[in-house]
């Protein structure tokens, strides 16, 4: 079943069986060794062919087929959670950019009015969940109320991935409703001036009413590498739909500039200078301001049906750098995690790099991304089984697959908190870190979270999706129900600690404190990403298959296509 099948499937979606769903106990895995054994065992299970499409293949003699069918009760539980979030927003703040469920209020990013952050970011989830009435009301608001003629500073990256991406996905999943494409083109045309810099790198902010790019004065006018390099899926897909090359050319120019500024390690500093297109001396990490740069290298290669080898080369080079310089093992349990490289200048002006054992929750997308990359650029045969057999992967593919499996396991270990929710940032223990006897955990801890003190930002859970995103990908690539069990455990924790009884969900201030304290905010990505990936984790794998769709960094699915144009860079 393709995306068309998704739109047509109604009967199964109406089989509401959520009441009385038994709680699944949190799966206990004693060590990385155990998860590796589970992973190896999955190599013997029957498989599906990955490219060019997913096709069932008869299992080997004496081996059971992988079960990719929907877990209907759990899938429908995520639908009920979405309705609890959406209906509260619609009741209290319809049309506002952001929602505050405790005070029952909305807020906008600009005093001149909202730009549909929550509505547009959520509507494709409604299509997937077959919430037809809710989707129709959302469409009506978009048709009659949504305007991008707004004064103010709007973040280029966030506006692109949430609003432009949401409109493009809605266009596809709605069966090409022209309303969504018209709105998408209007928005993109207002964003285009951000690319008018000497280098072609986009400015960080945009005034949509004035159609004018604005420098980020808080960062001395520099642009975030991740933000500049995470506009490409959206603008390229728009170019395909409108047959206007300017969107493609502007987005691709950014990648040409980044490739021209290539660092020998394959890594990327988190800031670039839009004046000369060069990297600025700054941290190197897979967390904030670095994450989706690496994500979109792979996804650009996938989006155009593996037809642009430049992105494969850039991705492979980057993964070699990440696995060589950033990936580390914890000192006790041997958990695989990613560190950050922090530049330091000596009194004599010499530059050195300090490795810091800090990992953002944002990094938890990377486990699934590595596994997807392993069967894409690390395929030795062109077609890869589900789960892949060792002889189907190159040495690089096997390296990346195993690292991805281990990183997901590490991210699940960071859910070993009082609430079962993962904090925003964790630090890993290293020798001579000076915190022996402080009560810190053996392998990782939340920095500054001391009993009796107001918790630091690191301790929060703000309804983030990255771990469940990786669980969704891992399940689709293996069929291992362990990943569904993990996802259900996270969902249960969200239901228990983040759900506001009167409607909506709120962030938790300290994941290691019960009873919890809430922050009065429901991020838009909770309905756009977190609940969507949980839904798809329990949905039949024939819905939005990874061989036919690529998800943008806000979880908006776009169909894979073969490009009709080719620029000099590609």
Protein backbone atom coordinates (compact mmCIF):
# COMPACT_ATOMS: atom_id res chain seq x y z
CA UNK A 1 0.00 0.00 0.00
CA UNK A 2 1.44 3.35 -1.04
CA UNK A 3 0.49 6.87 -0.02
CA UNK A 4 -2.60 6.48 -2.21
CA UNK A 5 -3.48 3.40 -0.23
CA UNK A 6 -3.09 5.43 2.93
CA UNK A 7 -5.74 7.87 1.77
CA UNK A 8 -8.11 5.06 0.81
CA UNK A 9 -7.72 2.89 3.91
CA UNK A 10 -10.77 3.55 6.08
CA UNK A 11 -12.10 0.27 7.37
CA UNK A 12 -9.13 -0.62 9.55
CA UNK A 13 -8.88 2.93 10.93
CA UNK A 14 -12.43 2.71 12.23
CA UNK A 15 -11.70 -0.48 14.22
CA UNK A 16 -11.40 1.34 17.54
CA UNK A 17 -10.08 -1.10 20.12
CA UNK A 18 -8.18 1.13 22.45
CA UNK A 19 -10.13 0.62 25.67
CA UNK A 20 -8.61 -1.77 28.11
CA UNK A 21 -5.26 -1.97 26.32
CA UNK A 22 -2.90 -3.74 28.72
CA UNK A 23 0.29 -1.95 29.65
CA UNK A 24 3.43 -3.45 28.20
CA UNK A 25 6.23 -3.67 30.72
CA UNK A 26 9.37 -1.76 29.92
CA UNK A 27 11.75 -4.26 28.24
CA UNK A 28 14.89 -4.75 30.28
CA UNK A 29 18.09 -5.24 28.34
CA UNK A 30 21.02 -5.96 30.62
CA UNK A 31 23.70 -4.58 28.33
CA UNK A 32 24.65 -3.62 24.82
CA UNK A 33 25.77 -7.21 24.37
CA UNK A 34 22.21 -8.42 24.81
CA UNK A 35 20.85 -6.00 22.20
CA UNK A 36 23.54 -7.05 19.74
CA UNK A 37 22.53 -10.68 20.24
CA UNK A 38 18.92 -9.73 19.54
CA UNK A 39 20.03 -7.87 16.44
CA UNK A 40 22.10 -10.82 15.19
CA UNK A 41 19.21 -13.16 15.81
CA UNK A 42 17.01 -11.00 13.60
CA UNK A 43 19.34 -11.73 10.67
CA UNK A 44 17.81 -15.20 10.46
CA UNK A 45 14.22 -13.95 10.10
CA UNK A 46 12.38 -13.73 6.77
CA UNK A 47 12.67 -10.50 4.85
CA UNK A 48 11.28 -7.98 2.39
CA UNK A 49 13.21 -6.54 -0.54
CA UNK A 50 14.06 -2.87 -0.03
CA UNK A 51 14.73 -1.45 -3.48
CA UNK A 52 13.04 -0.46 -5.67
CA UNK A 53 9.94 -1.17 -3.55
CA UNK A 54 9.11 -3.18 -0.46
CA UNK A 55 7.96 -6.64 -1.55
CA UNK A 56 7.22 -9.64 0.71
CA UNK A 57 9.66 -12.49 0.16
CA UNK A 58 8.87 -16.04 1.34
CA UNK A 59 10.76 -16.82 4.55
CA UNK A 60 13.55 -19.35 4.62
CA UNK A 61 12.62 -22.92 5.43
CA UNK A 62 11.68 -23.29 9.09
CA UNK A 63 11.79 -19.54 9.77
CA UNK A 64 8.77 -17.39 10.59
CA UNK A 65 8.04 -14.29 8.51
CA UNK A 66 8.52 -10.85 10.03
CA UNK A 67 5.21 -9.43 11.24
CA UNK A 68 4.81 -5.88 9.99
CA UNK A 69 1.05 -5.75 10.42
CA UNK A 70 -0.55 -3.00 12.49
CA UNK A 71 -0.83 -3.26 16.25
CA UNK A 72 -4.30 -1.77 16.12
CA UNK A 73 -4.98 -1.14 19.84
CA UNK A 74 -1.69 0.69 20.34
CA UNK A 75 -1.98 2.55 17.05
CA UNK A 76 -5.45 3.77 17.98
CA UNK A 77 -4.23 4.79 21.44
CA UNK A 78 -1.91 7.27 19.70
CA UNK A 79 -4.89 8.58 17.73
CA UNK A 80 -6.80 9.22 20.95
CA UNK A 81 -3.75 11.03 22.35
CA UNK A 82 -3.58 13.20 19.25
CA UNK A 83 -7.27 14.06 19.58
CA UNK A 84 -6.74 14.95 23.25
CA UNK A 85 -3.99 17.38 22.17
CA UNK A 86 -5.62 18.78 19.03
CA UNK A 87 -9.14 19.31 20.35
CA UNK A 88 -7.81 21.24 23.34
CA UNK A 89 -5.75 23.45 21.05
CA UNK A 90 -8.71 23.93 18.72
CA UNK A 91 -10.94 24.84 21.67
CA UNK A 92 -8.56 27.32 23.29
CA UNK A 93 -6.21 28.68 20.62
CA UNK A 94 -7.26 27.74 17.08
CA UNK A 95 -4.97 29.46 14.60
CA UNK A 96 -2.37 30.57 17.12
CA UNK A 97 1.20 29.46 16.51
CA UNK A 98 1.77 27.88 19.92
CA UNK A 99 -0.40 26.42 22.67
CA UNK A 100 -0.25 26.68 26.46
CA UNK A 101 -2.52 23.91 27.77
CA UNK A 102 -2.43 24.74 31.48
CA UNK A 103 -3.52 28.36 31.06
CA UNK A 104 -5.73 27.44 28.07
CA UNK A 105 -4.15 30.13 25.90
CA UNK A 106 -2.38 30.48 22.60
CA UNK A 107 0.46 32.74 21.49
CA UNK A 108 1.97 33.87 18.22
CA UNK A 109 5.52 34.28 16.97
CA UNK A 110 4.76 37.84 15.89
CA UNK A 111 2.58 40.65 17.19
CA UNK A 112 1.11 40.97 13.71
CA UNK A 113 -0.40 37.49 13.93
CA UNK A 114 0.35 33.83 13.49
CA UNK A 115 1.53 31.89 10.44
CA UNK A 116 -0.17 28.58 11.10
CA UNK A 117 2.66 26.89 13.01
CA UNK A 118 0.44 24.43 14.86
CA UNK A 119 -2.36 23.99 12.31
CA UNK A 120 -0.14 23.43 9.29
CA UNK A 121 2.40 21.38 11.22
CA UNK A 122 -0.35 18.99 12.36
CA UNK A 123 -2.67 18.52 9.40
CA UNK A 124 -0.76 15.71 7.67
CA UNK A 125 -0.90 13.72 10.91
CA UNK A 126 -4.69 14.04 10.70
CA UNK A 127 -4.63 12.68 7.16
CA UNK A 128 -2.57 9.68 8.29
CA UNK A 129 -4.85 9.02 11.26
CA UNK A 130 -7.99 9.43 9.11
CA UNK A 131 -9.32 12.21 11.31
CA UNK A 132 -11.38 13.58 8.46
CA UNK A 133 -13.53 16.04 10.40
CA UNK A 134 -10.55 17.57 12.20
CA UNK A 135 -8.62 17.81 8.93
CA UNK A 136 -11.55 19.53 7.22
CA UNK A 137 -11.78 22.15 9.96
CA UNK A 138 -8.01 22.70 9.75
CA UNK A 139 -8.28 23.09 5.98
CA UNK A 140 -11.06 25.64 6.40
CA UNK A 141 -8.86 27.73 8.68
CA UNK A 142 -5.97 27.52 6.21
CA UNK A 143 -8.27 28.57 3.36
CA UNK A 144 -9.92 31.50 5.14
CA UNK A 145 -7.52 32.70 7.84
CA UNK A 146 -3.92 31.76 7.04
CA UNK A 147 -1.85 34.71 5.87
CA UNK A 148 1.90 35.07 5.49
CA UNK A 149 1.70 38.83 5.14
CA UNK A 150 3.14 39.20 8.65
CA UNK A 151 5.66 41.67 9.99
CA UNK A 152 8.29 40.31 12.36
CA UNK A 153 11.35 38.10 12.52
CA UNK A 154 10.55 34.52 11.60
CA UNK A 155 13.18 31.82 11.74
CA UNK A 156 13.97 30.71 8.19
CA UNK A 157 14.67 27.10 9.13
CA UNK A 158 11.70 26.57 11.46
CA UNK A 159 9.28 28.24 9.05
CA UNK A 160 10.52 26.06 6.21
CA UNK A 161 10.48 22.69 7.95
CA UNK A 162 7.20 23.22 9.84
CA UNK A 163 5.02 25.37 7.62
CA UNK A 164 6.37 24.91 4.09
CA UNK A 165 7.03 21.24 4.79
CA UNK A 166 3.58 20.79 6.31
CA UNK A 167 1.85 22.39 3.33
CA UNK A 168 3.76 20.27 0.82
CA UNK A 169 3.02 17.06 2.69
CA UNK A 170 -0.65 18.04 3.01
CA UNK A 171 -0.76 18.66 -0.75
CA UNK A 172 0.46 15.13 -1.45
CA UNK A 173 -1.57 13.28 1.17
CA UNK A 174 -4.77 15.18 0.32
CA UNK A 175 -4.64 13.95 -3.27
CA UNK A 176 -3.13 17.19 -4.60
CA UNK A 177 -5.56 19.72 -3.15
CA UNK A 178 -4.38 22.94 -4.90
CA UNK A 179 -4.98 25.05 -1.77
CA UNK A 180 -1.90 23.64 -0.06
CA UNK A 181 0.39 24.13 -3.05
CA UNK A 182 -0.80 27.71 -3.54
CA UNK A 183 -0.05 28.50 0.09
CA UNK A 184 3.30 26.73 -0.12
CA UNK A 185 4.38 28.73 -3.15
CA UNK A 186 3.31 32.00 -1.53
CA UNK A 187 5.38 31.20 1.55
CA UNK A 188 8.43 30.04 -0.40
CA UNK A 189 8.42 33.19 -2.52
CA UNK A 190 8.49 35.26 0.65
CA UNK A 191 11.41 33.20 2.01
CA UNK A 192 13.54 33.29 -1.17
CA UNK A 193 15.22 36.66 -0.42
CA UNK A 194 17.11 35.09 2.53
CA UNK A 195 19.39 33.46 -0.07
CA UNK A 196 20.45 36.84 -1.47
CA UNK A 197 23.83 36.93 0.28
CA UNK A 198 27.35 37.12 -1.20
CA UNK A 199 27.83 33.37 -0.67
CA UNK A 200 24.29 32.15 -1.26
CA UNK A 201 23.96 30.89 2.31
CA UNK A 202 20.53 31.88 3.67
CA UNK A 203 20.10 34.41 6.44
CA UNK A 204 18.70 33.03 9.67
CA UNK A 205 15.56 35.19 9.86
CA UNK A 206 12.99 36.51 7.43
CA UNK A 207 10.36 39.25 7.45
CA UNK A 208 7.58 37.59 5.48
CA UNK A 209 5.60 40.77 4.88
CA UNK A 210 8.59 42.66 3.54
CA UNK A 211 10.09 39.58 1.81
CA UNK A 212 13.42 40.44 3.37
CA UNK A 213 16.16 38.35 4.96
CA UNK A 214 17.42 39.39 8.41
CA UNK A 215 20.77 38.59 10.00
CA UNK A 216 20.91 36.90 13.39
CA UNK A 217 22.51 39.59 15.54
CA UNK A 218 22.66 37.24 18.53
CA UNK A 219 25.20 35.13 16.62
CA UNK A 220 27.13 38.00 15.00
CA UNK A 221 25.35 37.45 11.72
CA UNK A 222 26.61 33.91 11.32
CA UNK A 223 24.23 31.19 10.13
CA UNK A 224 23.71 27.80 11.69
CA UNK A 225 25.09 25.03 9.48
CA UNK A 226 22.15 22.75 10.23
CA UNK A 227 19.61 25.46 9.53
CA UNK A 228 21.19 26.44 6.21
CA UNK A 229 21.46 22.81 5.11
CA UNK A 230 17.95 21.73 6.15
CA UNK A 231 15.84 23.57 3.60
CA UNK A 232 16.71 21.40 0.63
CA UNK A 233 14.05 18.66 0.72
CA UNK A 234 11.31 21.25 0.93
CA UNK A 235 12.53 23.60 -1.80
CA UNK A 236 13.46 20.78 -4.18
CA UNK A 237 10.07 19.14 -3.83
CA UNK A 238 8.37 22.49 -4.42
CA UNK A 239 10.50 22.93 -7.54
CA UNK A 240 9.30 19.56 -8.81
CA UNK A 241 5.64 20.43 -8.17
CA UNK A 242 5.77 23.91 -9.72
CA UNK A 243 8.36 23.26 -12.43
CA UNK A 244 10.18 26.41 -11.29
CA UNK A 245 13.91 25.84 -11.04
CA UNK A 246 14.69 28.81 -8.80
CA UNK A 247 13.67 26.92 -5.66
CA UNK A 248 15.99 24.05 -6.55
CA UNK A 249 18.87 26.31 -7.52
CA UNK A 250 18.76 28.39 -4.33
CA UNK A 251 18.65 25.33 -2.09
CA UNK A 252 21.31 23.43 -3.97
CA UNK A 253 23.68 26.41 -4.03
CA UNK A 254 23.89 26.09 -0.25
CA UNK A 255 25.16 22.52 -0.58
CA UNK A 256 27.69 23.58 -3.19
CA UNK A 257 29.04 26.23 -0.82
CA UNK A 258 29.26 23.77 2.07
CA UNK A 259 31.04 21.20 -0.09
CA UNK A 260 33.48 23.89 -1.20
CA UNK A 261 34.27 24.66 2.45
CA UNK A 262 34.94 21.00 3.18
CA UNK A 263 36.87 20.20 6.35
CA UNK A 264 39.40 17.37 6.11
CA UNK A 265 37.65 15.45 8.89
CA UNK A 266 34.35 15.37 7.03
CA UNK A 267 32.74 17.12 10.00
CA UNK A 268 31.08 20.54 10.05
CA UNK A 269 31.34 23.36 12.57
CA UNK A 270 27.93 24.58 13.71
CA UNK A 271 28.30 28.09 12.24
CA UNK A 272 29.14 29.50 8.80
CA UNK A 273 29.71 33.02 7.52
CA UNK A 274 27.16 34.08 4.88
CA UNK A 275 29.59 36.69 3.56
CA UNK A 276 32.33 34.30 2.39
CA UNK A 277 30.65 30.91 2.74
CA UNK A 278 33.32 29.53 5.08
CA UNK A 279 32.99 27.65 8.32
CA UNK A 280 33.45 29.71 11.47
CA UNK A 281 35.55 28.40 14.35
CA UNK A 282 32.83 26.89 16.54
CA UNK A 283 31.74 23.65 18.14
CA UNK A 284 31.33 20.43 16.17
CA UNK A 285 28.43 18.23 17.30
CA UNK A 286 25.43 16.21 16.26
CA UNK A 287 23.15 18.13 18.60
CA UNK A 288 21.63 21.58 18.17
CA UNK A 289 22.77 23.55 15.11
CA UNK A 290 24.58 20.50 13.72
CA UNK A 291 22.08 17.64 13.73
CA UNK A 292 19.99 17.96 10.60
CA UNK A 293 22.97 18.86 8.38
CA UNK A 294 24.03 15.23 8.63
CA UNK A 295 20.42 14.04 8.42
CA UNK A 296 19.76 15.85 5.13
CA UNK A 297 22.95 14.65 3.44
CA UNK A 298 21.45 11.17 3.44
CA UNK A 299 17.89 12.28 2.81
CA UNK A 300 18.82 14.39 -0.22
CA UNK A 301 20.45 11.31 -1.73
CA UNK A 302 17.30 9.29 -1.00
CA UNK A 303 14.83 11.99 -2.11
CA UNK A 304 16.00 11.96 -5.73
CA UNK A 305 16.05 8.15 -5.92
CA UNK A 306 19.83 7.80 -5.41
CA UNK A 307 20.44 9.76 -8.62
CA UNK A 308 22.77 12.41 -7.17
CA UNK A 309 25.99 10.71 -6.06
CA UNK A 310 27.44 13.95 -4.70
CA UNK A 311 25.26 13.55 -1.60
CA UNK A 312 26.36 9.96 -1.12
CA UNK A 313 29.99 11.09 -1.20
CA UNK A 314 29.32 13.91 1.26
CA UNK A 315 27.33 11.61 3.55
CA UNK A 316 29.90 8.82 3.57
CA UNK A 317 32.67 11.32 4.24
CA UNK A 318 30.70 12.83 7.13
CA UNK A 319 29.92 9.44 8.66
CA UNK A 320 33.60 8.49 8.56
CA UNK A 321 34.33 11.69 10.47
CA UNK A 322 31.55 11.16 13.00
CA UNK A 323 32.43 7.53 13.71
CA UNK A 324 36.13 8.39 13.96
CA UNK A 325 36.03 11.57 16.03
CA UNK A 326 32.71 11.90 17.85
CA UNK A 327 31.40 8.43 18.74
CA UNK A 328 32.64 7.16 22.11
CA UNK A 329 31.97 4.34 24.61
CA UNK A 330 30.90 4.93 28.22
CA UNK A 331 33.33 3.78 30.87
CA UNK A 332 31.18 1.21 32.71
CA UNK A 333 28.51 -0.37 30.52
CA UNK A 334 30.18 0.47 27.21
CA UNK A 335 27.25 2.50 25.94
CA UNK A 336 27.81 4.07 22.54
CA UNK A 337 27.28 7.85 22.58
CA UNK A 338 28.33 10.98 20.70
CA UNK A 339 30.58 13.71 22.08
CA UNK A 340 31.11 17.31 21.10
CA UNK A 341 34.34 18.94 19.95
CA UNK A 342 34.85 22.37 21.52
CA UNK A 343 37.54 24.69 20.08
CA UNK A 344 39.88 26.38 22.55
CA UNK A 345 42.44 29.06 21.79
CA UNK A 346 45.65 29.24 23.82
CA UNK A 347 47.35 32.45 24.97
CA UNK A 348 49.63 32.07 21.99
CA UNK A 349 46.72 31.86 19.58
CA UNK A 350 46.98 28.14 18.91
CA UNK A 351 43.72 26.20 18.44
CA UNK A 352 43.06 22.90 20.15
CA UNK A 353 39.90 20.78 20.40
CA UNK A 354 38.44 19.48 23.65
CA UNK A 355 36.23 16.39 23.52
CA UNK A 356 33.16 16.89 25.75
CA UNK A 357 30.98 13.88 26.70
CA UNK A 358 27.68 15.73 26.20
CA UNK A 359 24.78 14.42 24.16
CA UNK A 360 21.55 16.27 23.37
CA UNK A 361 18.28 14.39 23.11
CA UNK A 362 18.26 15.79 19.56
CA UNK A 363 21.07 13.34 18.74
CA UNK A 364 18.72 10.39 19.24
CA UNK A 365 17.53 10.75 15.63
CA UNK A 366 20.98 9.54 14.61
CA UNK A 367 20.61 5.87 15.49
CA UNK A 368 17.78 5.34 13.03
CA UNK A 369 19.50 7.57 10.48
CA UNK A 370 22.65 5.46 10.65
CA UNK A 371 20.65 2.28 10.11
CA UNK A 372 18.87 3.81 7.12
CA UNK A 373 22.19 5.02 5.76
CA UNK A 374 23.72 1.57 6.22
CA UNK A 375 21.22 -0.08 3.89
CA UNK A 376 21.37 2.85 1.44
CA UNK A 377 25.03 3.79 0.94
CA UNK A 378 26.36 0.66 2.66
CA UNK A 379 24.57 -1.88 0.49
CA UNK A 380 26.85 -4.40 -1.20
CA UNK A 381 24.18 -5.92 -3.43
CA UNK A 382 21.72 -3.18 -4.34
CA UNK A 383 18.87 -4.95 -2.58
CA UNK A 384 18.88 -5.43 1.16
CA UNK A 385 16.77 -7.82 3.20
CA UNK A 386 14.75 -6.83 6.24
CA UNK A 387 16.60 -7.20 8.48
CA UNK A 388 19.78 -7.08 6.39
CA UNK A 389 22.08 -10.08 6.17
CA UNK A 390 25.77 -9.53 6.84
CA UNK A 391 26.73 -10.42 3.27
CA UNK A 392 24.44 -7.68 1.93
CA UNK A 393 26.37 -4.85 3.61
CA UNK A 394 29.81 -3.44 2.98
CA UNK A 395 32.20 -3.07 5.89
CA UNK A 396 31.09 0.55 6.20
CA UNK A 397 27.48 -0.55 6.09
CA UNK A 398 28.00 -3.08 8.87
CA UNK A 399 29.87 -0.48 10.93
CA UNK A 400 27.10 2.09 10.57
CA UNK A 401 24.31 -0.42 11.18
CA UNK A 402 25.84 -1.65 14.42
CA UNK A 403 26.57 1.90 15.61
CA UNK A 404 22.95 2.84 14.89
CA UNK A 405 21.59 -0.12 16.86
CA UNK A 406 23.85 0.73 19.79
CA UNK A 407 22.97 4.44 19.76
CA UNK A 408 19.26 3.62 19.93
CA UNK A 409 19.98 1.40 22.91
CA UNK A 410 21.87 4.24 24.60
CA UNK A 411 19.00 6.65 23.99
CA UNK A 412 16.65 4.14 25.59
CA UNK A 413 18.93 3.94 28.62
CA UNK A 414 18.51 7.68 29.08
CA UNK A 415 14.84 6.93 29.67
CA UNK A 416 15.84 5.15 32.89
CA UNK A 417 14.54 8.04 34.98
CA UNK A 418 11.84 8.43 37.61
CA UNK A 419 9.32 9.28 34.87
CA UNK A 420 10.61 7.04 32.09
CA UNK A 421 11.19 10.19 30.05
CA UNK A 422 14.54 11.22 28.63
CA UNK A 423 16.13 14.57 29.58
CA UNK A 424 17.05 17.28 27.13
CA UNK A 425 20.81 16.83 27.67
CA UNK A 426 22.90 14.12 29.31
CA UNK A 427 26.58 13.92 30.14
CA UNK A 428 28.55 10.70 30.20
CA UNK A 429 31.07 9.73 32.84
CA UNK A 430 34.72 9.89 31.88
CA UNK A 431 37.81 9.10 33.98
CA UNK A 432 38.83 11.86 36.39
CA UNK A 433 35.66 13.86 35.83
CA UNK A 434 35.64 14.91 39.48
CA UNK A 435 32.12 13.76 40.31
CA UNK A 436 32.85 10.51 42.14
CA UNK A 437 30.73 10.22 45.27
CA UNK A 438 28.24 12.79 43.98
CA UNK A 439 25.51 10.26 43.44
CA UNK A 440 25.87 10.45 39.67
CA UNK A 441 24.95 7.33 37.74
CA UNK A 442 27.59 4.90 36.56
CA UNK A 443 27.50 5.94 32.91
CA UNK A 444 25.42 9.09 32.40
CA UNK A 445 23.89 11.87 34.46
CA UNK A 446 21.94 15.12 34.23
CA UNK A 447 24.36 17.92 34.94
CA UNK A 448 23.33 20.27 37.73
CA UNK A 449 20.19 18.36 38.72
CA UNK A 450 20.62 18.31 42.50
CA UNK A 451 17.85 17.46 44.98
CA UNK A 452 16.06 20.53 46.32
CA UNK A 453 17.32 22.90 43.63
CA UNK A 454 15.36 24.21 40.68
CA UNK A 455 16.29 21.86 37.84
CA UNK A 456 18.47 23.05 34.97
CA UNK A 457 17.30 23.14 31.38
CA UNK A 458 19.12 19.84 30.82
CA UNK A 459 16.58 17.99 33.00
CA UNK A 460 13.51 18.86 30.95
CA UNK A 461 11.47 16.71 28.59
CA UNK A 462 9.76 19.00 26.10
CA UNK A 463 7.78 16.30 24.23
CA UNK A 464 10.64 15.65 21.81
CA UNK A 465 10.34 13.00 19.06
CA UNK A 466 13.91 11.97 18.25
CA UNK A 467 14.01 8.63 20.07
CA UNK A 468 10.66 7.46 18.71
CA UNK A 469 11.76 8.60 15.24
CA UNK A 470 14.67 6.19 15.45
CA UNK A 471 12.44 3.44 16.85
CA UNK A 472 10.08 3.85 13.88
CA UNK A 473 12.94 3.52 11.38
CA UNK A 474 14.55 0.63 13.27
CA UNK A 475 11.30 -1.32 13.35
CA UNK A 476 10.68 -0.74 9.64
CA UNK A 477 14.19 -2.01 8.84
CA UNK A 478 14.19 -5.04 11.16
CA UNK A 479 10.69 -6.06 12.20
CA UNK A 480 12.05 -6.48 15.71
CA UNK A 481 9.12 -5.94 18.08
CA UNK A 482 11.57 -4.78 20.75
CA UNK A 483 11.39 -1.37 19.08
CA UNK A 484 7.61 -1.34 19.35
CA UNK A 485 7.91 -2.29 23.02
CA UNK A 486 10.31 0.59 23.58
CA UNK A 487 7.96 2.99 21.81
CA UNK A 488 4.98 1.85 23.87
CA UNK A 489 6.92 2.38 27.09
CA UNK A 490 7.71 5.96 26.05
CA UNK A 491 4.09 6.55 25.06
CA UNK A 492 2.88 5.30 28.45
CA UNK A 493 5.27 7.67 30.23
CA UNK A 494 4.02 10.59 28.14
CA UNK A 495 0.45 9.66 28.98
CA UNK A 496 1.21 9.38 32.68
CA UNK A 497 3.34 12.48 33.20
CA UNK A 498 2.72 14.93 30.33
CA UNK A 499 -1.01 14.63 29.73
CA UNK A 500 -3.09 17.53 31.08
CA UNK A 501 -6.50 16.27 32.16
CA UNK A 502 -8.40 19.27 30.76
CA UNK A 503 -6.75 18.83 27.38
CA UNK A 504 -3.34 18.93 25.77
CA UNK A 505 0.12 17.85 26.89
CA UNK A 506 2.83 19.84 28.66
CA UNK A 507 6.59 19.66 29.06
CA UNK A 508 8.07 18.19 32.24
CA UNK A 509 10.56 20.37 34.11
CA UNK A 510 12.56 17.51 35.66
CA UNK A 511 12.32 13.96 34.33
CA UNK A 512 13.81 12.59 37.57
CA UNK A 513 11.25 14.17 39.89
CA UNK A 514 7.87 12.68 40.87
CA UNK A 515 5.34 14.19 41.22
CA UNK A 516 6.24 16.18 38.14
CA UNK A 517 6.20 19.93 37.58
CA UNK A 518 5.00 21.13 34.20
CA UNK A 519 5.99 23.94 31.89
CA UNK A 520 2.90 25.47 30.28
CA UNK A 521 3.75 24.73 26.67
CA UNK A 522 2.92 22.07 24.09
CA UNK A 523 5.49 22.20 21.31
CA UNK A 524 4.09 21.93 17.77
CA UNK A 525 6.37 18.99 17.04
CA UNK A 526 4.47 16.89 19.58
CA UNK A 527 1.55 16.49 17.15
CA UNK A 528 3.66 16.78 14.03
CA UNK A 529 6.42 14.35 14.99
CA UNK A 530 6.18 12.56 18.33
CA UNK A 531 2.62 11.25 17.99
CA UNK A 532 3.02 10.74 14.24
CA UNK A 533 6.10 8.54 14.60
CA UNK A 534 4.43 6.61 17.42
CA UNK A 535 1.38 6.10 15.21
CA UNK A 536 3.50 4.90 12.29
CA UNK A 537 5.52 2.64 14.59
CA UNK A 538 2.33 0.69 15.33
CA UNK A 539 0.84 1.08 11.83
CA UNK A 540 1.20 -1.49 9.05
CA UNK A 541 4.60 -1.07 7.39
CA UNK A 542 2.98 -0.82 3.96
CA UNK A 543 1.74 2.64 4.91
CA UNK A 544 4.28 5.31 3.86
CA UNK A 545 7.08 2.77 3.16
CA UNK A 546 10.63 4.05 3.51
CA UNK A 547 11.42 2.86 0.00
CA UNK A 548 8.91 5.33 -1.42
CA UNK A 549 8.97 8.26 1.03
CA UNK A 550 11.50 10.48 2.72
CA UNK A 551 10.53 12.37 5.87
CA UNK A 552 11.72 15.90 6.39
CA UNK A 553 13.20 16.81 9.76
CA UNK A 554 9.72 17.77 11.04
CA UNK A 555 8.33 14.33 10.02
CA UNK A 556 6.49 15.58 6.94
CA UNK A 557 6.66 12.81 4.29
CA UNK A 558 7.53 13.60 0.67
CA UNK A 559 7.47 11.05 -2.15
CA UNK A 560 10.79 9.93 -3.59
CA UNK A 561 11.19 11.10 -7.19
CA UNK A 562 13.65 11.22 -10.05
CA UNK A 563 14.61 14.86 -10.72
CA UNK A 564 13.53 16.44 -13.99
CA UNK A 565 16.34 19.01 -13.89
CA UNK A 566 20.06 18.73 -13.23
CA UNK A 567 22.25 21.61 -12.17
CA UNK A 568 25.99 21.93 -12.53
CA UNK A 569 26.59 20.99 -8.90
CA UNK A 570 24.84 17.62 -9.11
